Every structure is written in structure tokens, then in C-alpha cells.
Amino acid sequence: MALEYREWKEGDDLALLEIWGGPETLPAEQFRAALAPSSNQPWRRCIVAEDVVDGVRIPVAAGVVHEASLHPERLWAYIEVAKDHRREGVGATLLTMLRREAGNSPSGVSKLRSKVEPDTAGAAFAAAAGLAPIQRSQLVVVAPEPLSLPRFGDGSEEAASERVEDLATGSVELSDVVGKYYSHVHHWDSPGELSIPTVQRLFLHDLTGAHGAIVLRAPKASAFGQGVPASRKGKIQAFAISYAQGDSDEPSDVFLGHDPQLSAEEAAFAVRDLLALIAYQHPVLLEVDESMTALRTVLDPLLESGKAHVRGADTLIVSD
């Protein structure tokens, strides 16, 4: 009997988990959370392929296409097929159906994007479907004491306190820099300008797991020049936001970035100094795209020397 296709319904997640087993890749683990009933707010369409075994209908594959809260010029798409039903055209049929749904999205956006790991079945399927890589990212673990600690001013505690500061994650100043940095390093996927409330909701709210932030400021003189009151602080040059981890033995999950108005050399120095501070006693975990050039400038020598290592496989973002 040929497979039948229908909309996702409650209980499909448990049925599919029994058939699929554990996720084969990190993107698969992340995307499975997007498999849910179709909706219009936010816009999502989810389709299930059903087989019949001994008269019982069993879900064996599913696909989803949905709007993104960031990067609105493309829709996220994901398809997963049970191993014993692959290479039978099930994935291609689901993709055709998802593209048809995408053509009717209220936003008018129909271009698709997804995430895959290189040299996997998902990567091969994406390539066959005409989805080409537009970005590569890695998870990099930096070992403790990877870099010598920076010396600020005359080396005094007071000089250091002028440059390094703990900030509340609700800081508007911090939110502004984070949003501008995110847009700067994601120019390849058109995130647009992010509002302060959007940045706080997506990166700094308690629900994101954000629980601390440290910033590196410019020296007062270079930020404000002569005749400026000594109480004024220098502009934020770099920031590091830490996120809660369930296991204290794991590296701290950190979002590290910089003021995009800095020159390439200034950005690399600022990122280097802040990384030296946050990784001095405990390892940190960073997600790094190829577009994060300042961070790559600092991390590549650490990877070559063994003071940092890549965790797991790379992730490719593929798109029409």
C-alpha cells in the first residue's frame, strides 16, 4: 500500500520517536522540537507520512516548514524519514508538499533554509534538493588559561575596573551592542535591524538561560576625549553573555561578540582580551560562524595549538 500524507496531529511525536529512535545529528535534535501541529500564529505547516503495517497506520516520516523570528527572508524547513523508508522518494514528496505550503505563506516568503551536518544523509538529501551551503558553524571548547591575561593601564585594580564590568542582562546599552553585532555577523542571512525588546527576548531574558554578562570597555580617553568627566564610562568594545548549564562540569556556554564599529584589528584585540578573562579558570563553549572574523582570528591559533578543540561535527546552513 502506498504511503498516505496528512497533517500532524497530537501523539505523532511519540509514535515517530519509537520508529526513529534517537536523533542522528545535532540539527535533527534541534529541529524535532519544531514538529508540531500546523498554525497561523506563528505560521507553521507540518505534514506526516503514514505507512500501514498489519492493518495499523504508523507514522514513518514528517516534515515541517515555518517562519523564523529572525532572518525573515527565508523559512526554516526540516524533513526526517525512518531509515527503512529512505531512498523511496518519501523525503522528496514531503519537500514538494512543503514547498507548496511555503508558496502560500502569508509573508510571501518561499525560500527555504535548513541545517545539516557534512557527509550525512541529511546533507546528501539537501544537495540533491538544490539546497547549497551559505554558512558553516562550529562549537569550540576553549581550555582554561588559553591566553595571557591582559594588562589594563598601569596594571592596577582601579585601571582594570574602568575597562571590565559586570552588567545586568537587562542593560539597554548591552542589548544595543548585542543586536548590532548579531546583525553585523549575520549579514549573509538578512536579519535586519533588531529592536532592544527583541534582543532582550531572544538573547538576554531569563527564559533564554542568560544569567550573567561581562563587558570590556574602551579606555575613557579614547572613547570620549579630553574634558570629559572622569565618571563617564568608555563604550562597550566586547561582551560575553553566559548561559546556564545543567552540569557544572561542562564548559560555560558563552555568546562572545564585539562592537561592529571597531576596526578588524581592534575587534580582534577586544575579543582576545575578554576571552582571556572569561576562560582563565574554567573552559568555555562558543558557537562560531565563519562570518565571525574577529573571533575566528583569535580561535584559529588556539585550535592549532591544542588550547581549544571543536566539539562534534560542523553544522552547515543550506538554502535555495
C-alpha atoms as a PDB file:
ATOM      1  CA  MET A   1       0.000   0.000   0.000  1.00  0.00           C
ATOM      2  CA  ALA A   2       1.300   3.478  -0.875  1.00  0.00           C
ATOM      3  CA  LEU A   3       2.066   5.890   1.924  1.00  0.00           C
ATOM      4  CA  GLU A   4      -0.549   8.427   2.878  1.00  0.00           C
ATOM      5  CA  TYR A   5       0.180  12.033   3.828  1.00  0.00           C
ATOM      6  CA  ARG A   6      -1.740  14.104   6.348  1.00  0.00           C
ATOM      7  CA  GLU A   7      -1.352  16.992   8.762  1.00  0.00           C
ATOM      8  CA  TRP A   8       0.481  16.470  12.037  1.00  0.00           C
ATOM      9  CA  LYS A   9      -1.735  15.550  14.967  1.00  0.00           C
ATOM     10  CA  GLU A  10      -1.250  15.087  18.688  1.00  0.00           C
ATOM     11  CA  GLY A  11       0.609  11.909  19.559  1.00  0.00           C
ATOM     12  CA  ASP A  12       2.663  11.801  16.362  1.00  0.00           C
ATOM     13  CA  ASP A  13       5.792  12.825  18.254  1.00  0.00           C
ATOM     14  CA  LEU A  14       5.710   9.739  20.468  1.00  0.00           C
ATOM     15  CA  ALA A  15       4.851   7.442  17.581  1.00  0.00           C
ATOM     16  CA  LEU A  16       7.693   8.779  15.453  1.00  0.00           C
ATOM     17  CA  LEU A  17      10.198   8.580  18.296  1.00  0.00           C
ATOM     18  CA  GLU A  18       9.509   4.857  18.538  1.00  0.00           C
ATOM     19  CA  ILE A  19      10.261   4.465  14.825  1.00  0.00           C
ATOM     20  CA  TRP A  20      13.150   6.922  14.510  1.00  0.00           C
ATOM     21  CA  GLY A  21      14.997   6.297  17.741  1.00  0.00           C
ATOM     22  CA  GLY A  22      17.484   8.906  18.931  1.00  0.00           C
ATOM     23  CA  PRO A  23      18.464  11.845  16.707  1.00  0.00           C
ATOM     24  CA  GLU A  24      21.345  11.100  14.342  1.00  0.00           C
ATOM     25  CA  THR A  25      22.735  14.650  14.373  1.00  0.00           C
ATOM     26  CA  LEU A  26      22.581  17.811  16.458  1.00  0.00           C
ATOM     27  CA  PRO A  27      20.431  19.620  13.843  1.00  0.00           C
ATOM     28  CA  ALA A  28      17.992  16.696  13.938  1.00  0.00           C
ATOM     29  CA  GLU A  29      17.751  17.008  17.708  1.00  0.00           C
ATOM     30  CA  GLN A  30      17.098  20.742  17.435  1.00  0.00           C
ATOM     31  CA  PHE A  31      14.579  20.526  14.592  1.00  0.00           C
ATOM     32  CA  ARG A  32      12.484  17.767  16.154  1.00  0.00           C
ATOM     33  CA  ALA A  33      11.168  20.387  18.586  1.00  0.00           C
ATOM     34  CA  ALA A  34       9.659  22.229  15.589  1.00  0.00           C
ATOM     35  CA  LEU A  35       7.476  19.252  14.637  1.00  0.00           C
ATOM     36  CA  ALA A  36       4.088  20.313  15.955  1.00  0.00           C
ATOM     37  CA  PRO A  37       0.522  20.954  14.770  1.00  0.00           C
ATOM     38  CA  SER A  38       0.153  23.449  11.934  1.00  0.00           C
ATOM     39  CA  SER A  39      -0.692  27.001  12.990  1.00  0.00           C
ATOM     40  CA  ASN A  40      -1.009  30.528  11.653  1.00  0.00           C
ATOM     41  CA  GLN A  41       0.469  32.422  14.637  1.00  0.00           C
ATOM     42  CA  PRO A  42       3.353  31.739  14.220  1.00  0.00           C
ATOM     43  CA  TRP A  43       2.933  30.326  10.726  1.00  0.00           C
ATOM     44  CA  ARG A  44       3.837  26.630  10.529  1.00  0.00           C
ATOM     45  CA  ARG A  45       2.845  23.689   8.360  1.00  0.00           C
ATOM     46  CA  CYS A  46       3.684  20.146   9.417  1.00  0.00           C
ATOM     47  CA  ILE A  47       2.989  17.003   7.367  1.00  0.00           C
ATOM     48  CA  VAL A  48       3.266  13.323   8.327  1.00  0.00           C
ATOM     49  CA  ALA A  49       3.756  10.289   6.067  1.00  0.00           C
ATOM     50  CA  GLU A  50       1.913   7.181   7.254  1.00  0.00           C
ATOM     51  CA  ASP A  51       2.518   3.536   6.376  1.00  0.00           C
ATOM     52  CA  VAL A  52       0.209   0.590   7.092  1.00  0.00           C
ATOM     53  CA  VAL A  53       1.676  -2.404   8.924  1.00  0.00           C
ATOM     54  CA  ASP A  54      -0.658  -5.338   9.666  1.00  0.00           C
ATOM     55  CA  GLY A  55      -3.617  -3.029   9.216  1.00  0.00           C
ATOM     56  CA  VAL A  56      -2.242  -0.422  11.627  1.00  0.00           C
ATOM     57  CA  ARG A  57      -1.356   3.077  10.399  1.00  0.00           C
ATOM     58  CA  ILE A  58       2.113   4.046  11.586  1.00  0.00           C
ATOM     59  CA  PRO A  59       3.795   7.438  11.051  1.00  0.00           C
ATOM     60  CA  VAL A  60       7.214   6.905   9.447  1.00  0.00           C
ATOM     61  CA  ALA A  61       8.248  10.382   8.271  1.00  0.00           C
ATOM     62  CA  ALA A  62       7.452  14.020   8.877  1.00  0.00           C
ATOM     63  CA  GLY A  63       8.331  17.433   7.505  1.00  0.00           C
ATOM     64  CA  VAL A  64       7.841  20.970   8.750  1.00  0.00           C
ATOM     65  CA  VAL A  65       8.205  24.456   7.291  1.00  0.00           C
ATOM     66  CA  HIS A  66       7.838  27.543   9.473  1.00  0.00           C
ATOM     67  CA  GLU A  67       8.563  31.224   9.792  1.00  0.00           C
ATOM     68  CA  ALA A  68      11.641  32.394  11.664  1.00  0.00           C
ATOM     69  CA  SER A  69      11.633  35.029  14.388  1.00  0.00           C
ATOM     70  CA  LEU A  70      14.975  36.153  12.961  1.00  0.00           C
ATOM     71  CA  HIS A  71      16.075  36.190   9.312  1.00  0.00           C
ATOM     72  CA  PRO A  72      12.548  36.609   7.868  1.00  0.00           C
ATOM     73  CA  GLU A  73      13.635  36.316   4.217  1.00  0.00           C
ATOM     74  CA  ARG A  74      13.776  32.519   4.441  1.00  0.00           C
ATOM     75  CA  LEU A  75      11.625  29.809   6.017  1.00  0.00           C
ATOM     76  CA  TRP A  76      13.085  27.012   8.125  1.00  0.00           C
ATOM     77  CA  ALA A  77      12.396  23.522   6.803  1.00  0.00           C
ATOM     78  CA  TYR A  78      13.126  20.056   8.148  1.00  0.00           C
ATOM     79  CA  ILE A  79      12.336  16.518   6.991  1.00  0.00           C
ATOM     80  CA  GLU A  80      13.089  13.230   8.717  1.00  0.00           C
ATOM     81  CA  VAL A  81      12.352   9.765   7.342  1.00  0.00           C
ATOM     82  CA  ALA A  82      12.640   6.401   9.103  1.00  0.00           C
ATOM     83  CA  LYS A  83      15.761   4.530   7.968  1.00  0.00           C
ATOM     84  CA  ASP A  84      13.818   1.646   6.406  1.00  0.00           C
ATOM     85  CA  HIS A  85      11.789   4.088   4.268  1.00  0.00           C
ATOM     86  CA  ARG A  86      14.676   6.135   2.878  1.00  0.00           C
ATOM     87  CA  ARG A  87      15.590   6.212  -0.819  1.00  0.00           C
ATOM     88  CA  GLU A  88      11.941   5.578  -1.687  1.00  0.00           C
ATOM     89  CA  GLY A  89      11.003   9.155  -2.571  1.00  0.00           C
ATOM     90  CA  VAL A  90       9.307   9.887   0.765  1.00  0.00           C
ATOM     91  CA  GLY A  91      11.556  12.821   1.594  1.00  0.00           C
ATOM     92  CA  ALA A  92      11.235  14.260  -1.918  1.00  0.00           C
ATOM     93  CA  THR A  93       7.438  14.026  -1.721  1.00  0.00           C
ATOM     94  CA  LEU A  94       7.397  15.772   1.652  1.00  0.00           C
ATOM     95  CA  LEU A  95       9.694  18.506   0.316  1.00  0.00           C
ATOM     96  CA  THR A  96       7.407  19.079  -2.672  1.00  0.00           C
ATOM     97  CA  MET A  97       4.434  19.383  -0.317  1.00  0.00           C
ATOM     98  CA  LEU A  98       6.309  21.756   1.999  1.00  0.00           C
ATOM     99  CA  ARG A  99       7.327  23.945  -0.934  1.00  0.00           C
ATOM    100  CA  ARG A 100       3.687  24.099  -1.998  1.00  0.00           C
ATOM    101  CA  GLU A 101       2.721  25.203   1.525  1.00  0.00           C
ATOM    102  CA  ALA A 102       5.567  27.739   1.585  1.00  0.00           C
ATOM    103  CA  GLY A 103       4.216  29.258  -1.623  1.00  0.00           C
ATOM    104  CA  ASN A 104       1.063  30.143   0.294  1.00  0.00           C
ATOM    105  CA  SER A 105       2.738  31.590   3.386  1.00  0.00           C
ATOM    106  CA  PRO A 106       1.169  34.908   4.490  1.00  0.00           C
ATOM    107  CA  SER A 107       4.552  36.640   4.410  1.00  0.00           C
ATOM    108  CA  GLY A 108       5.044  35.791   0.748  1.00  0.00           C
ATOM    109  CA  VAL A 109       8.424  34.237   1.598  1.00  0.00           C
ATOM    110  CA  SER A 110       9.062  30.907  -0.111  1.00  0.00           C
ATOM    111  CA  LYS A 111      12.869  30.406   0.022  1.00  0.00           C
ATOM    112  CA  LEU A 112      13.870  27.590   2.356  1.00  0.00           C
ATOM    113  CA  ARG A 113      16.816  27.024   4.656  1.00  0.00           C
ATOM    114  CA  SER A 114      17.835  24.157   6.910  1.00  0.00           C
ATOM    115  CA  LYS A 115      20.760  22.848   8.952  1.00  0.00           C
ATOM    116  CA  VAL A 116      22.706  19.668   8.248  1.00  0.00           C
ATOM    117  CA  GLU A 117      25.989  18.072   9.240  1.00  0.00           C
ATOM    118  CA  PRO A 118      28.513  17.434   6.436  1.00  0.00           C
ATOM    119  CA  ASP A 119      28.761  13.909   4.983  1.00  0.00           C
ATOM    120  CA  THR A 120      25.422  12.744   6.374  1.00  0.00           C
ATOM    121  CA  ALA A 121      22.212  11.509   4.791  1.00  0.00           C
ATOM    122  CA  GLY A 122      20.669  14.918   5.513  1.00  0.00           C
ATOM    123  CA  ALA A 123      23.479  16.724   3.701  1.00  0.00           C
ATOM    124  CA  ALA A 124      23.164  14.426   0.683  1.00  0.00           C
ATOM    125  CA  PHE A 125      19.383  14.946   0.566  1.00  0.00           C
ATOM    126  CA  ALA A 126      19.782  18.726   0.816  1.00  0.00           C
ATOM    127  CA  ALA A 127      22.312  18.772  -2.011  1.00  0.00           C
ATOM    128  CA  ALA A 128      20.052  16.651  -4.211  1.00  0.00           C
ATOM    129  CA  ALA A 129      17.197  19.049  -3.451  1.00  0.00           C
ATOM    130  CA  GLY A 130      19.231  22.031  -4.609  1.00  0.00           C
ATOM    131  CA  LEU A 131      19.999  23.463  -1.174  1.00  0.00           C
ATOM    132  CA  ALA A 132      23.569  24.806  -1.105  1.00  0.00           C
ATOM    133  CA  PRO A 133      25.668  25.801   1.948  1.00  0.00           C
ATOM    134  CA  ILE A 134      25.545  29.502   2.835  1.00  0.00           C
ATOM    135  CA  GLN A 135      27.296  29.268   6.210  1.00  0.00           C
ATOM    136  CA  ARG A 136      29.321  26.875   8.368  1.00  0.00           C
ATOM    137  CA  SER A 137      29.408  26.941  12.157  1.00  0.00           C
ATOM    138  CA  GLN A 138      31.337  25.071  14.827  1.00  0.00           C
ATOM    139  CA  LEU A 139      31.103  24.504  18.549  1.00  0.00           C
ATOM    140  CA  VAL A 140      34.511  25.319  20.003  1.00  0.00           C
ATOM    141  CA  VAL A 141      35.609  24.489  23.546  1.00  0.00           C
ATOM    142  CA  VAL A 142      38.376  26.756  24.850  1.00  0.00           C
ATOM    143  CA  ALA A 143      40.529  25.289  27.612  1.00  0.00           C
ATOM    144  CA  PRO A 144      41.345  27.235  30.816  1.00  0.00           C
ATOM    145  CA  GLU A 145      44.194  29.753  30.632  1.00  0.00           C
ATOM    146  CA  PRO A 146      44.297  29.780  26.826  1.00  0.00           C
ATOM    147  CA  LEU A 147      45.790  33.274  26.669  1.00  0.00           C
ATOM    148  CA  SER A 148      47.870  35.513  28.888  1.00  0.00           C
ATOM    149  CA  LEU A 149      45.762  37.906  30.937  1.00  0.00           C
ATOM    150  CA  PRO A 150      45.569  41.440  29.544  1.00  0.00           C
ATOM    151  CA  ARG A 151      47.170  44.372  31.347  1.00  0.00           C
ATOM    152  CA  PHE A 152      44.991  47.469  31.536  1.00  0.00           C
ATOM    153  CA  GLY A 153      46.550  50.904  32.043  1.00  0.00           C
ATOM    154  CA  ASP A 154      49.053  50.860  34.890  1.00  0.00           C
ATOM    155  CA  GLY A 155      48.020  47.342  35.845  1.00  0.00           C
ATOM    156  CA  SER A 156      46.161  48.451  38.964  1.00  0.00           C
ATOM    157  CA  GLU A 157      42.802  47.110  40.105  1.00  0.00           C
ATOM    158  CA  GLU A 158      41.313  50.552  39.530  1.00  0.00           C
ATOM    159  CA  ALA A 159      42.525  50.595  35.922  1.00  0.00           C
ATOM    160  CA  ALA A 160      41.076  47.148  35.339  1.00  0.00           C
ATOM    161  CA  SER A 161      37.716  48.131  36.856  1.00  0.00           C
ATOM    162  CA  GLU A 162      37.460  51.006  34.370  1.00  0.00           C
ATOM    163  CA  ARG A 163      37.754  48.565  31.469  1.00  0.00           C
ATOM    164  CA  VAL A 164      36.000  45.406  32.711  1.00  0.00           C
ATOM    165  CA  GLU A 165      32.492  45.442  34.166  1.00  0.00           C
ATOM    166  CA  ASP A 166      29.727  43.036  35.086  1.00  0.00           C
ATOM    167  CA  LEU A 167      26.462  44.225  33.545  1.00  0.00           C
ATOM    168  CA  ALA A 168      22.875  43.208  34.210  1.00  0.00           C
ATOM    169  CA  THR A 169      21.470  41.259  31.288  1.00  0.00           C
ATOM    170  CA  GLY A 170      18.606  43.768  31.155  1.00  0.00           C
ATOM    171  CA  SER A 171      21.012  46.597  30.285  1.00  0.00           C
ATOM    172  CA  VAL A 172      19.824  48.656  27.321  1.00  0.00           C
ATOM    173  CA  GLU A 173      23.431  49.537  26.475  1.00  0.00           C
ATOM    174  CA  LEU A 174      24.343  45.846  26.336  1.00  0.00           C
ATOM    175  CA  SER A 175      21.231  44.981  24.322  1.00  0.00           C
ATOM    176  CA  ASP A 176      22.072  47.640  21.749  1.00  0.00           C
ATOM    177  CA  VAL A 177      25.591  46.281  21.147  1.00  0.00           C
ATOM    178  CA  VAL A 178      24.408  42.648  21.074  1.00  0.00           C
ATOM    179  CA  GLY A 179      21.741  43.443  18.479  1.00  0.00           C
ATOM    180  CA  LYS A 180      24.137  45.381  16.250  1.00  0.00           C
ATOM    181  CA  TYR A 181      26.760  42.638  16.487  1.00  0.00           C
ATOM    182  CA  TYR A 182      24.259  39.893  15.640  1.00  0.00           C
ATOM    183  CA  SER A 183      23.055  41.789  12.571  1.00  0.00           C
ATOM    184  CA  HIS A 184      26.657  42.510  11.549  1.00  0.00           C
ATOM    185  CA  VAL A 185      27.857  38.895  11.610  1.00  0.00           C
ATOM    186  CA  HIS A 186      24.633  37.528  10.100  1.00  0.00           C
ATOM    187  CA  HIS A 187      24.582  39.851   7.084  1.00  0.00           C
ATOM    188  CA  TRP A 188      24.563  36.732   4.895  1.00  0.00           C
ATOM    189  CA  ASP A 189      21.036  35.875   6.059  1.00  0.00           C
ATOM    190  CA  SER A 190      19.427  39.338   6.257  1.00  0.00           C
ATOM    191  CA  PRO A 191      18.430  39.599   9.921  1.00  0.00           C
ATOM    192  CA  GLY A 192      17.707  43.321   9.605  1.00  0.00           C
ATOM    193  CA  GLU A 193      17.911  45.748  12.497  1.00  0.00           C
ATOM    194  CA  LEU A 194      16.900  44.213  15.830  1.00  0.00           C
ATOM    195  CA  SER A 195      14.951  46.238  18.373  1.00  0.00           C
ATOM    196  CA  ILE A 196      16.037  46.354  22.006  1.00  0.00           C
ATOM    197  CA  PRO A 197      12.979  44.322  23.173  1.00  0.00           C
ATOM    198  CA  THR A 198      13.678  41.678  20.506  1.00  0.00           C
ATOM    199  CA  VAL A 199      17.323  41.356  21.555  1.00  0.00           C
ATOM    200  CA  GLN A 200      16.375  41.055  25.204  1.00  0.00           C
ATOM    201  CA  ARG A 201      13.716  38.438  24.452  1.00  0.00           C
ATOM    202  CA  LEU A 202      15.954  36.285  22.239  1.00  0.00           C
ATOM    203  CA  PHE A 203      19.341  36.622  23.916  1.00  0.00           C
ATOM    204  CA  LEU A 204      19.097  38.157  27.382  1.00  0.00           C
ATOM    205  CA  HIS A 205      15.816  37.149  29.022  1.00  0.00           C
ATOM    206  CA  ASP A 206      15.835  34.733  31.947  1.00  0.00           C
ATOM    207  CA  LEU A 207      13.965  32.210  29.778  1.00  0.00           C
ATOM    208  CA  THR A 208      16.960  32.035  27.395  1.00  0.00           C
ATOM    209  CA  GLY A 209      19.131  30.868  30.285  1.00  0.00           C
ATOM    210  CA  ALA A 210      21.195  34.070  30.271  1.00  0.00           C
ATOM    211  CA  HIS A 211      22.447  34.617  33.806  1.00  0.00           C
ATOM    212  CA  GLY A 212      25.439  36.923  33.544  1.00  0.00           C
ATOM    213  CA  ALA A 213      27.253  39.369  31.286  1.00  0.00           C
ATOM    214  CA  ILE A 214      30.718  40.910  31.358  1.00  0.00           C
ATOM    215  CA  VAL A 215      31.872  43.703  29.065  1.00  0.00           C
ATOM    216  CA  LEU A 216      35.192  45.221  28.047  1.00  0.00           C
ATOM    217  CA  ARG A 217      35.041  48.991  27.731  1.00  0.00           C
ATOM    218  CA  ALA A 218      37.237  51.354  25.765  1.00  0.00           C
ATOM    219  CA  PRO A 219      39.674  53.491  27.769  1.00  0.00           C
ATOM    220  CA  LYS A 220      37.936  56.701  28.755  1.00  0.00           C
ATOM    221  CA  ALA A 221      40.238  58.948  26.771  1.00  0.00           C
ATOM    222  CA  SER A 222      39.788  57.005  23.531  1.00  0.00           C
ATOM    223  CA  ALA A 223      36.030  56.894  23.992  1.00  0.00           C
ATOM    224  CA  PHE A 224      35.313  60.476  24.993  1.00  0.00           C
ATOM    225  CA  GLY A 225      38.480  62.545  24.543  1.00  0.00           C
ATOM    226  CA  GLN A 226      39.587  65.434  26.700  1.00  0.00           C
ATOM    227  CA  GLY A 227      37.416  67.439  29.049  1.00  0.00           C
ATOM    228  CA  VAL A 228      35.015  64.580  29.775  1.00  0.00           C
ATOM    229  CA  PRO A 229      34.054  63.937  33.423  1.00  0.00           C
ATOM    230  CA  ALA A 230      36.025  61.050  34.928  1.00  0.00           C
ATOM    231  CA  SER A 231      32.781  59.338  35.945  1.00  0.00           C
ATOM    232  CA  ARG A 232      31.841  58.694  32.309  1.00  0.00           C
ATOM    233  CA  LYS A 233      32.460  55.160  31.094  1.00  0.00           C
ATOM    234  CA  GLY A 234      34.046  54.111  27.836  1.00  0.00           C
ATOM    235  CA  LYS A 235      31.946  52.490  25.115  1.00  0.00           C
ATOM    236  CA  ILE A 236      31.483  48.724  25.168  1.00  0.00           C
ATOM    237  CA  GLN A 237      34.116  47.152  22.930  1.00  0.00           C
ATOM    238  CA  ALA A 238      33.309  43.491  23.571  1.00  0.00           C
ATOM    239  CA  PHE A 239      30.737  41.484  25.525  1.00  0.00           C
ATOM    240  CA  ALA A 240      30.379  37.942  26.864  1.00  0.00           C
ATOM    241  CA  ILE A 241      26.976  36.562  27.907  1.00  0.00           C
ATOM    242  CA  SER A 242      26.951  33.294  29.842  1.00  0.00           C
ATOM    243  CA  TYR A 243      24.062  30.845  29.799  1.00  0.00           C
ATOM    244  CA  ALA A 244      23.041  28.396  32.486  1.00  0.00           C
ATOM    245  CA  GLN A 245      24.377  24.858  32.179  1.00  0.00           C
ATOM    246  CA  GLY A 246      22.763  21.842  33.802  1.00  0.00           C
ATOM    247  CA  ASP A 247      26.144  20.272  34.597  1.00  0.00           C
ATOM    248  CA  SER A 248      28.751  22.375  36.392  1.00  0.00           C
ATOM    249  CA  ASP A 249      31.495  20.140  34.976  1.00  0.00           C
ATOM    250  CA  GLU A 250      30.595  21.230  31.443  1.00  0.00           C
ATOM    251  CA  PRO A 251      32.207  24.273  29.782  1.00  0.00           C
ATOM    252  CA  SER A 252      30.291  27.514  30.265  1.00  0.00           C
ATOM    253  CA  ASP A 253      28.092  28.308  27.249  1.00  0.00           C
ATOM    254  CA  VAL A 254      29.064  31.840  26.167  1.00  0.00           C
ATOM    255  CA  PHE A 255      27.981  34.290  23.459  1.00  0.00           C
ATOM    256  CA  LEU A 256      31.063  36.436  22.765  1.00  0.00           C
ATOM    257  CA  GLY A 257      30.976  39.439  20.451  1.00  0.00           C
ATOM    258  CA  HIS A 258      32.148  42.987  19.870  1.00  0.00           C
ATOM    259  CA  ASP A 259      31.120  46.464  18.774  1.00  0.00           C
ATOM    260  CA  PRO A 260      30.836  46.148  14.965  1.00  0.00           C
ATOM    261  CA  GLN A 261      32.136  49.701  14.552  1.00  0.00           C
ATOM    262  CA  LEU A 262      35.597  48.604  15.678  1.00  0.00           C
ATOM    263  CA  SER A 263      38.270  48.020  13.048  1.00  0.00           C
ATOM    264  CA  ALA A 264      39.213  44.402  12.354  1.00  0.00           C
ATOM    265  CA  GLU A 265      42.367  44.776  14.455  1.00  0.00           C
ATOM    266  CA  GLU A 266      40.573  46.497  17.343  1.00  0.00           C
ATOM    267  CA  ALA A 267      37.814  43.868  17.321  1.00  0.00           C
ATOM    268  CA  ALA A 268      40.320  41.006  17.451  1.00  0.00           C
ATOM    269  CA  PHE A 269      42.208  42.607  20.354  1.00  0.00           C
ATOM    270  CA  ALA A 270      38.978  43.264  22.292  1.00  0.00           C
ATOM    271  CA  VAL A 271      37.699  39.706  21.771  1.00  0.00           C
ATOM    272  CA  ARG A 272      41.102  38.281  22.666  1.00  0.00           C
ATOM    273  CA  ASP A 273      41.292  40.219  25.959  1.00  0.00           C
ATOM    274  CA  LEU A 274      37.771  39.304  27.026  1.00  0.00           C
ATOM    275  CA  LEU A 275      38.227  35.628  26.114  1.00  0.00           C
ATOM    276  CA  ALA A 276      41.439  35.555  28.175  1.00  0.00           C
ATOM    277  CA  LEU A 277      39.458  36.792  31.183  1.00  0.00           C
ATOM    278  CA  ILE A 278      36.375  34.583  30.929  1.00  0.00           C
ATOM    279  CA  ALA A 279      38.326  31.391  30.168  1.00  0.00           C
ATOM    280  CA  TYR A 280      41.101  31.952  32.690  1.00  0.00           C
ATOM    281  CA  GLN A 281      39.839  29.427  35.255  1.00  0.00           C
ATOM    282  CA  HIS A 282      37.058  27.481  33.517  1.00  0.00           C
ATOM    283  CA  PRO A 283      36.573  26.223  29.941  1.00  0.00           C
ATOM    284  CA  VAL A 284      34.042  27.988  27.750  1.00  0.00           C
ATOM    285  CA  LEU A 285      31.915  26.793  24.836  1.00  0.00           C
ATOM    286  CA  LEU A 286      31.454  29.121  21.860  1.00  0.00           C
ATOM    287  CA  GLU A 287      29.331  28.722  18.732  1.00  0.00           C
ATOM    288  CA  VAL A 288      31.331  30.279  15.908  1.00  0.00           C
ATOM    289  CA  ASP A 289      30.232  31.048  12.347  1.00  0.00           C
ATOM    290  CA  GLU A 290      32.723  31.654   9.545  1.00  0.00           C
ATOM    291  CA  SER A 291      31.402  35.228   9.395  1.00  0.00           C
ATOM    292  CA  MET A 292      32.633  35.965  12.937  1.00  0.00           C
ATOM    293  CA  THR A 293      36.040  37.054  11.673  1.00  0.00           C
ATOM    294  CA  ALA A 294      37.368  38.638  14.889  1.00  0.00           C
ATOM    295  CA  LEU A 295      36.528  35.559  16.918  1.00  0.00           C
ATOM    296  CA  ARG A 296      37.987  33.274  14.247  1.00  0.00           C
ATOM    297  CA  THR A 297      41.201  35.328  14.270  1.00  0.00           C
ATOM    298  CA  VAL A 298      41.562  34.610  17.986  1.00  0.00           C
ATOM    299  CA  LEU A 299      40.366  30.996  17.980  1.00  0.00           C
ATOM    300  CA  ASP A 300      42.237  29.586  14.966  1.00  0.00           C
ATOM    301  CA  PRO A 301      45.683  29.765  16.649  1.00  0.00           C
ATOM    302  CA  LEU A 302      44.204  28.204  19.812  1.00  0.00           C
ATOM    303  CA  LEU A 303      42.771  25.335  17.754  1.00  0.00           C
ATOM    304  CA  GLU A 304      46.133  24.803  16.054  1.00  0.00           C
ATOM    305  CA  SER A 305      47.984  24.773  19.397  1.00  0.00           C
ATOM    306  CA  GLY A 306      45.522  22.435  21.107  1.00  0.00           C
ATOM    307  CA  LYS A 307      44.315  25.059  23.595  1.00  0.00           C
ATOM    308  CA  ALA A 308      40.879  24.760  22.015  1.00  0.00           C
ATOM    309  CA  HIS A 309      39.065  21.968  20.198  1.00  0.00           C
ATOM    310  CA  VAL A 310      35.969  21.527  18.069  1.00  0.00           C
ATOM    311  CA  ARG A 311      33.125  19.670  19.746  1.00  0.00           C
ATOM    312  CA  GLY A 312      31.122  17.380  17.497  1.00  0.00           C
ATOM    313  CA  ALA A 313      30.603  17.898  13.785  1.00  0.00           C
ATOM    314  CA  ASP A 314      30.374  21.187  11.930  1.00  0.00           C
ATOM    315  CA  THR A 315      26.912  22.487  11.059  1.00  0.00           C
ATOM    316  CA  LEU A 316      26.075  23.711   7.560  1.00  0.00           C
ATOM    317  CA  ILE A 317      23.213  26.098   6.930  1.00  0.00           C
ATOM    318  CA  VAL A 318      21.887  25.273   3.475  1.00  0.00           C
ATOM    319  CA  SER A 319      19.423  27.247   1.415  1.00  0.00           C
ATOM    320  CA  ASP A 320      17.826  27.734  -2.006  1.00  0.00           C
END
